[in-house]
């Protein structure tokens, strides 16, 4: 890795984002009957860019379809079908939950990029991928071929991880991305506040709100307001509130929701279930 890239990775903005933002995907955790889901962290030098590598796979053929629900997490994912290595996909920033019906046998591995990392690495406009799943070859054809060749024949995350670590270390060193410092400051401010600040009134980064919105759409995938909403939702998941806390202690007020109806509607949009159902099943074991 180049000296410039190492210096960039150690800047306060990147360090803060990595330390403040721990996106969760709580709807599948560990062994769930015939399906398993695991996450592994990347090499430490990649942590400011990549949150984790993950694998979702069957332990045995399924008797009925499995619906994999992905909640909004503020990230962009690159994932591969390890049973058909030529098939790799990019899932852009999701502003709602997304469901993938899967049947038979499957074995997917993925890379969860932290905000700004994927667009900076591949020099694409993140807004073009928002709420979309696209073939990776249509986004970055050369990189798609390289990764297809790299992971061909591998079926376990444990063997893929060091290959991906080496690949992305080289890629970030070669690309040497230089993000806009005002954008990174705004991201750090939103994350520090847990997504609860009023973007128009409280986000002051020496740039107009219109310019900042363009930067967010290009490098994150949507506006600061939408990203803040996702961060606030992720803060709630990280807190793992009980049903009692949600209904009686009204913890949603602490996160800036103005009433229970607003909270439930937004939660269901981002999660795919009501808070009560999610708390009983998913959040507490995430």
Protein backbone atom coordinates (compact mmCIF):
# COMPACT_ATOMS: atom_id res chain seq x y z
CA UNK A 1 0.00 0.00 0.00
CA UNK A 2 1.33 3.44 -0.93
CA UNK A 3 2.37 6.02 1.64
CA UNK A 4 -0.41 8.32 0.41
CA UNK A 5 -3.06 5.65 0.87
CA UNK A 6 -1.79 4.75 4.33
CA UNK A 7 -1.91 8.43 5.25
CA UNK A 8 -5.46 8.71 3.92
CA UNK A 9 -6.62 5.70 5.90
CA UNK A 10 -5.29 7.26 9.08
CA UNK A 11 -7.04 10.61 8.66
CA UNK A 12 -9.51 11.53 11.44
CA UNK A 13 -12.54 11.46 9.12
CA UNK A 14 -11.99 7.86 8.03
CA UNK A 15 -11.03 6.73 11.53
CA UNK A 16 -14.16 8.34 12.97
CA UNK A 17 -16.49 6.80 10.40
CA UNK A 18 -15.05 3.34 10.95
CA UNK A 19 -15.31 3.70 14.71
CA UNK A 20 -18.80 5.21 14.75
CA UNK A 21 -20.59 3.14 12.14
CA UNK A 22 -21.16 -0.59 12.74
CA UNK A 23 -23.99 -1.48 10.33
CA UNK A 24 -26.08 -4.49 11.29
CA UNK A 25 -27.93 -7.12 9.29
CA UNK A 26 -29.83 -8.84 12.11
CA UNK A 27 -32.40 -10.91 10.22
CA UNK A 28 -30.06 -13.87 9.79
CA UNK A 29 -27.51 -14.71 12.44
CA UNK A 30 -25.29 -17.77 12.68
CA UNK A 31 -26.95 -21.10 12.03
CA UNK A 32 -30.65 -20.82 11.17
CA UNK A 33 -31.80 -24.36 10.43
CA UNK A 34 -30.72 -25.22 6.92
CA UNK A 35 -29.14 -21.79 6.31
CA UNK A 36 -26.02 -20.20 7.79
CA UNK A 37 -24.82 -16.60 7.72
CA UNK A 38 -21.39 -15.47 8.91
CA UNK A 39 -19.40 -12.24 8.85
CA UNK A 40 -15.65 -11.73 9.08
CA UNK A 41 -13.79 -8.43 9.40
CA UNK A 42 -11.29 -7.45 6.70
CA UNK A 43 -7.59 -6.87 7.27
CA UNK A 44 -7.12 -3.94 9.70
CA UNK A 45 -5.76 -1.65 6.97
CA UNK A 46 -9.01 -2.13 5.03
CA UNK A 47 -11.35 -1.53 7.97
CA UNK A 48 -11.95 2.16 7.12
CA UNK A 49 -13.27 1.07 3.72
CA UNK A 50 -14.82 -2.36 4.24
CA UNK A 51 -17.09 -3.24 7.14
CA UNK A 52 -17.00 -7.00 6.63
CA UNK A 53 -16.94 -9.98 4.32
CA UNK A 54 -19.98 -12.23 4.61
CA UNK A 55 -21.30 -15.60 3.49
CA UNK A 56 -24.89 -16.81 3.18
CA UNK A 57 -25.18 -20.51 2.32
CA UNK A 58 -27.32 -23.60 2.76
CA UNK A 59 -26.24 -26.48 4.96
CA UNK A 60 -28.56 -28.82 3.05
CA UNK A 61 -31.07 -28.55 0.18
CA UNK A 62 -34.12 -26.52 1.14
CA UNK A 63 -37.59 -28.04 1.15
CA UNK A 64 -39.15 -24.61 0.67
CA UNK A 65 -37.84 -21.22 -0.45
CA UNK A 66 -35.85 -19.15 2.03
CA UNK A 67 -36.53 -15.41 1.98
CA UNK A 68 -33.39 -13.46 2.80
CA UNK A 69 -34.40 -10.04 4.07
CA UNK A 70 -31.79 -7.27 3.91
CA UNK A 71 -32.46 -4.23 6.08
CA UNK A 72 -31.33 -0.71 5.17
CA UNK A 73 -27.76 -0.28 6.43
CA UNK A 74 -26.23 2.64 4.52
CA UNK A 75 -23.73 0.43 2.70
CA UNK A 76 -23.06 -0.87 -0.81
CA UNK A 77 -22.50 -4.62 -1.17
CA UNK A 78 -20.60 -6.56 -3.79
CA UNK A 79 -21.54 -10.24 -3.79
CA UNK A 80 -20.75 -13.43 -5.66
CA UNK A 81 -22.58 -16.66 -6.39
CA UNK A 82 -19.88 -19.17 -5.43
CA UNK A 83 -21.78 -21.91 -7.24
CA UNK A 84 -21.68 -19.86 -10.47
CA UNK A 85 -18.49 -17.76 -10.11
CA UNK A 86 -19.19 -15.74 -13.25
CA UNK A 87 -22.23 -14.25 -11.49
CA UNK A 88 -21.32 -11.27 -9.32
CA UNK A 89 -23.57 -8.38 -8.39
CA UNK A 90 -23.61 -4.95 -6.78
CA UNK A 91 -26.39 -3.92 -4.43
CA UNK A 92 -26.49 -0.16 -4.06
CA UNK A 93 -27.62 1.85 -1.07
CA UNK A 94 -31.05 0.61 -0.04
CA UNK A 95 -33.57 3.12 1.28
CA UNK A 96 -36.01 0.32 2.19
CA UNK A 97 -35.67 -3.31 3.17
CA UNK A 98 -35.12 -5.79 0.32
CA UNK A 99 -36.14 -9.45 0.07
CA UNK A 100 -34.41 -12.16 -1.96
CA UNK A 101 -36.35 -15.45 -2.34
CA UNK A 102 -33.80 -18.28 -2.55
CA UNK A 103 -34.46 -21.95 -3.25
CA UNK A 104 -32.66 -25.30 -3.43
CA UNK A 105 -28.99 -24.85 -2.62
CA UNK A 106 -27.09 -21.58 -2.63
CA UNK A 107 -23.73 -20.22 -1.57
CA UNK A 108 -23.13 -16.47 -1.70
CA UNK A 109 -20.19 -14.45 -0.43
CA UNK A 110 -20.03 -10.68 -0.27
CA UNK A 111 -18.12 -7.53 0.59
CA UNK A 112 -19.91 -4.83 2.58
CA UNK A 113 -18.37 -1.46 1.74
CA UNK A 114 -18.71 1.44 4.15
CA UNK A 115 -20.21 4.68 2.79
CA UNK A 116 -18.17 6.33 -0.04
CA UNK A 117 -15.76 3.38 -0.43
CA UNK A 118 -17.28 1.61 -3.44
CA UNK A 119 -17.89 4.76 -5.56
CA UNK A 120 -14.39 6.04 -4.77
CA UNK A 121 -12.76 2.73 -5.62
CA UNK A 122 -14.60 2.14 -8.89
CA UNK A 123 -15.23 5.79 -9.76
CA UNK A 124 -18.95 5.47 -10.28
CA UNK A 125 -21.93 7.55 -9.22
CA UNK A 126 -23.51 5.82 -6.21
CA UNK A 127 -26.95 7.24 -7.00
CA UNK A 128 -27.05 5.13 -10.18
CA UNK A 129 -27.05 2.03 -7.97
CA UNK A 130 -29.48 3.20 -5.27
CA UNK A 131 -32.22 0.60 -4.66
CA UNK A 132 -30.78 -1.48 -7.52
CA UNK A 133 -28.99 -4.80 -7.89
CA UNK A 134 -26.76 -4.75 -10.97
CA UNK A 135 -24.38 -7.23 -12.56
CA UNK A 136 -20.88 -6.23 -11.45
CA UNK A 137 -19.57 -6.62 -15.00
CA UNK A 138 -21.92 -3.83 -16.08
CA UNK A 139 -20.49 -1.54 -13.40
CA UNK A 140 -16.78 -2.38 -13.56
CA UNK A 141 -16.04 -5.01 -16.19
CA UNK A 142 -12.29 -5.35 -15.62
CA UNK A 143 -12.65 -5.65 -11.85
CA UNK A 144 -15.45 -8.19 -12.32
CA UNK A 145 -13.19 -10.40 -14.43
CA UNK A 146 -10.36 -10.12 -11.91
CA UNK A 147 -12.54 -11.11 -8.98
CA UNK A 148 -14.22 -13.93 -10.90
CA UNK A 149 -10.80 -15.41 -11.62
CA UNK A 150 -9.68 -14.84 -8.04
CA UNK A 151 -12.50 -16.68 -6.27
CA UNK A 152 -13.15 -19.43 -8.84
CA UNK A 153 -13.13 -22.84 -7.17
CA UNK A 154 -13.45 -21.50 -3.62
CA UNK A 155 -16.54 -22.22 -1.53
CA UNK A 156 -15.62 -21.12 2.01
CA UNK A 157 -15.27 -17.60 3.35
CA UNK A 158 -12.19 -18.63 5.30
CA UNK A 159 -10.28 -19.29 2.08
CA UNK A 160 -11.72 -16.32 0.19
CA UNK A 161 -10.97 -13.72 2.87
CA UNK A 162 -7.17 -13.56 2.44
CA UNK A 163 -7.60 -13.37 -1.33
CA UNK A 164 -10.01 -10.46 -0.99
CA UNK A 165 -7.78 -8.74 1.57
CA UNK A 166 -4.85 -8.85 -0.82
CA UNK A 167 -6.95 -7.81 -3.81
CA UNK A 168 -8.57 -4.80 -2.18
CA UNK A 169 -5.35 -3.68 -0.50
CA UNK A 170 -3.78 -3.51 -3.95
CA UNK A 171 -6.85 -1.87 -5.49
CA UNK A 172 -7.06 0.93 -2.93
CA UNK A 173 -3.30 1.50 -3.19
CA UNK A 174 -3.55 1.78 -6.98
CA UNK A 175 -6.67 3.93 -7.02
CA UNK A 176 -5.51 6.10 -4.09
CA UNK A 177 -8.97 7.68 -3.62
CA UNK A 178 -9.16 11.19 -2.25
CA UNK A 179 -12.64 11.91 -0.84
CA UNK A 180 -13.97 15.41 -0.41
CA UNK A 181 -13.10 16.45 3.15
CA UNK A 182 -16.39 18.37 3.52
CA UNK A 183 -18.31 15.20 2.67
CA UNK A 184 -16.31 13.17 5.18
CA UNK A 185 -16.85 15.82 7.85
CA UNK A 186 -20.60 15.75 7.20
CA UNK A 187 -20.66 11.95 7.42
CA UNK A 188 -18.75 12.02 10.70
CA UNK A 189 -21.14 14.65 12.10
CA UNK A 190 -24.22 12.62 11.16
CA UNK A 191 -22.75 9.45 12.64
CA UNK A 192 -21.67 11.20 15.84
CA UNK A 193 -25.25 12.41 16.29
CA UNK A 194 -26.64 8.96 15.52
CA UNK A 195 -28.65 10.37 12.63
CA UNK A 196 -30.76 12.50 14.95
CA UNK A 197 -29.71 16.03 13.99
CA UNK A 198 -31.73 18.33 11.78
CA UNK A 199 -29.71 18.22 8.57
CA UNK A 200 -30.78 21.62 7.26
CA UNK A 201 -30.25 23.46 10.57
CA UNK A 202 -27.38 21.65 12.26
CA UNK A 203 -25.10 20.31 9.51
CA UNK A 204 -22.54 23.08 8.93
CA UNK A 205 -19.56 22.04 6.79
CA UNK A 206 -18.77 25.25 4.87
CA UNK A 207 -20.67 24.14 1.79
CA UNK A 208 -24.20 24.82 0.56
CA UNK A 209 -26.85 22.21 1.28
CA UNK A 210 -27.38 21.77 -2.45
CA UNK A 211 -23.69 21.04 -3.04
CA UNK A 212 -23.57 18.71 -0.06
CA UNK A 213 -26.63 16.86 -1.33
CA UNK A 214 -24.91 16.32 -4.68
CA UNK A 215 -21.82 14.94 -2.95
CA UNK A 216 -23.92 12.58 -0.85
CA UNK A 217 -25.84 11.32 -3.86
CA UNK A 218 -22.63 10.76 -5.82
CA UNK A 219 -20.62 9.02 -3.10
CA UNK A 220 -23.22 7.64 -0.65
CA UNK A 221 -26.26 7.13 -2.87
CA UNK A 222 -28.86 9.55 -1.52
CA UNK A 223 -29.26 12.83 0.34
CA UNK A 224 -27.93 13.59 3.84
CA UNK A 225 -31.51 13.45 5.13
CA UNK A 226 -32.11 9.93 3.80
CA UNK A 227 -28.73 8.72 5.04
CA UNK A 228 -29.44 10.20 8.48
CA UNK A 229 -32.72 8.29 8.59
CA UNK A 230 -30.85 5.03 7.94
CA UNK A 231 -28.22 5.84 10.57
CA UNK A 232 -30.93 6.55 13.14
CA UNK A 233 -32.56 3.20 12.31
CA UNK A 234 -29.22 1.42 12.67
CA UNK A 235 -28.70 3.12 16.05
CA UNK A 236 -31.96 1.58 17.20
CA UNK A 237 -30.89 -1.88 16.03
CA UNK A 238 -27.58 -1.53 17.85
CA UNK A 239 -29.41 -0.64 21.08
CA UNK A 240 -31.40 -3.91 20.90
CA UNK A 241 -34.42 -2.53 22.74
CA UNK A 242 -36.96 -4.86 24.29
CA UNK A 243 -40.64 -4.75 23.37
CA UNK A 244 -41.31 -3.11 26.74
CA UNK A 245 -38.74 -0.38 26.05
CA UNK A 246 -40.28 0.29 22.65
CA UNK A 247 -43.85 0.56 23.90
CA UNK A 248 -43.60 1.77 27.49
CA UNK A 249 -40.25 3.56 27.78
CA UNK A 250 -40.76 5.04 24.31
CA UNK A 251 -37.07 4.97 23.40
CA UNK A 252 -37.99 6.16 19.91
CA UNK A 253 -38.40 9.70 21.28
CA UNK A 254 -34.71 9.67 22.22
CA UNK A 255 -33.88 8.99 18.57
CA UNK A 256 -35.89 11.93 17.28
CA UNK A 257 -39.10 10.23 16.14
CA UNK A 258 -41.93 12.65 16.84
CA UNK A 259 -44.56 10.01 17.65
CA UNK A 260 -45.08 6.27 17.75
CA UNK A 261 -46.92 6.11 14.42
CA UNK A 262 -44.02 7.86 12.67
CA UNK A 263 -41.55 5.49 14.32
CA UNK A 264 -43.48 2.32 13.40
CA UNK A 265 -44.00 3.40 9.79
CA UNK A 266 -40.33 4.25 9.25
CA UNK A 267 -39.11 1.13 11.03
CA UNK A 268 -41.31 -1.13 8.91
CA UNK A 269 -40.10 0.60 5.73
CA UNK A 270 -36.45 0.02 6.62
CA UNK A 271 -36.78 -3.37 8.31
CA UNK A 272 -39.76 -5.14 6.76
CA UNK A 273 -41.47 -5.96 10.06
CA UNK A 274 -43.08 -4.02 12.87
CA UNK A 275 -40.78 -3.14 15.80
CA UNK A 276 -42.59 -5.59 18.10
CA UNK A 277 -42.13 -8.53 15.74
CA UNK A 278 -38.52 -7.62 15.05
CA UNK A 279 -37.72 -7.26 18.75
CA UNK A 280 -39.22 -10.65 19.55
CA UNK A 281 -37.34 -12.48 16.81
CA UNK A 282 -34.44 -10.68 15.22
CA UNK A 283 -33.03 -7.67 17.02
CA UNK A 284 -32.32 -9.37 20.33
CA UNK A 285 -30.20 -12.06 18.69
CA UNK A 286 -28.36 -9.84 16.20
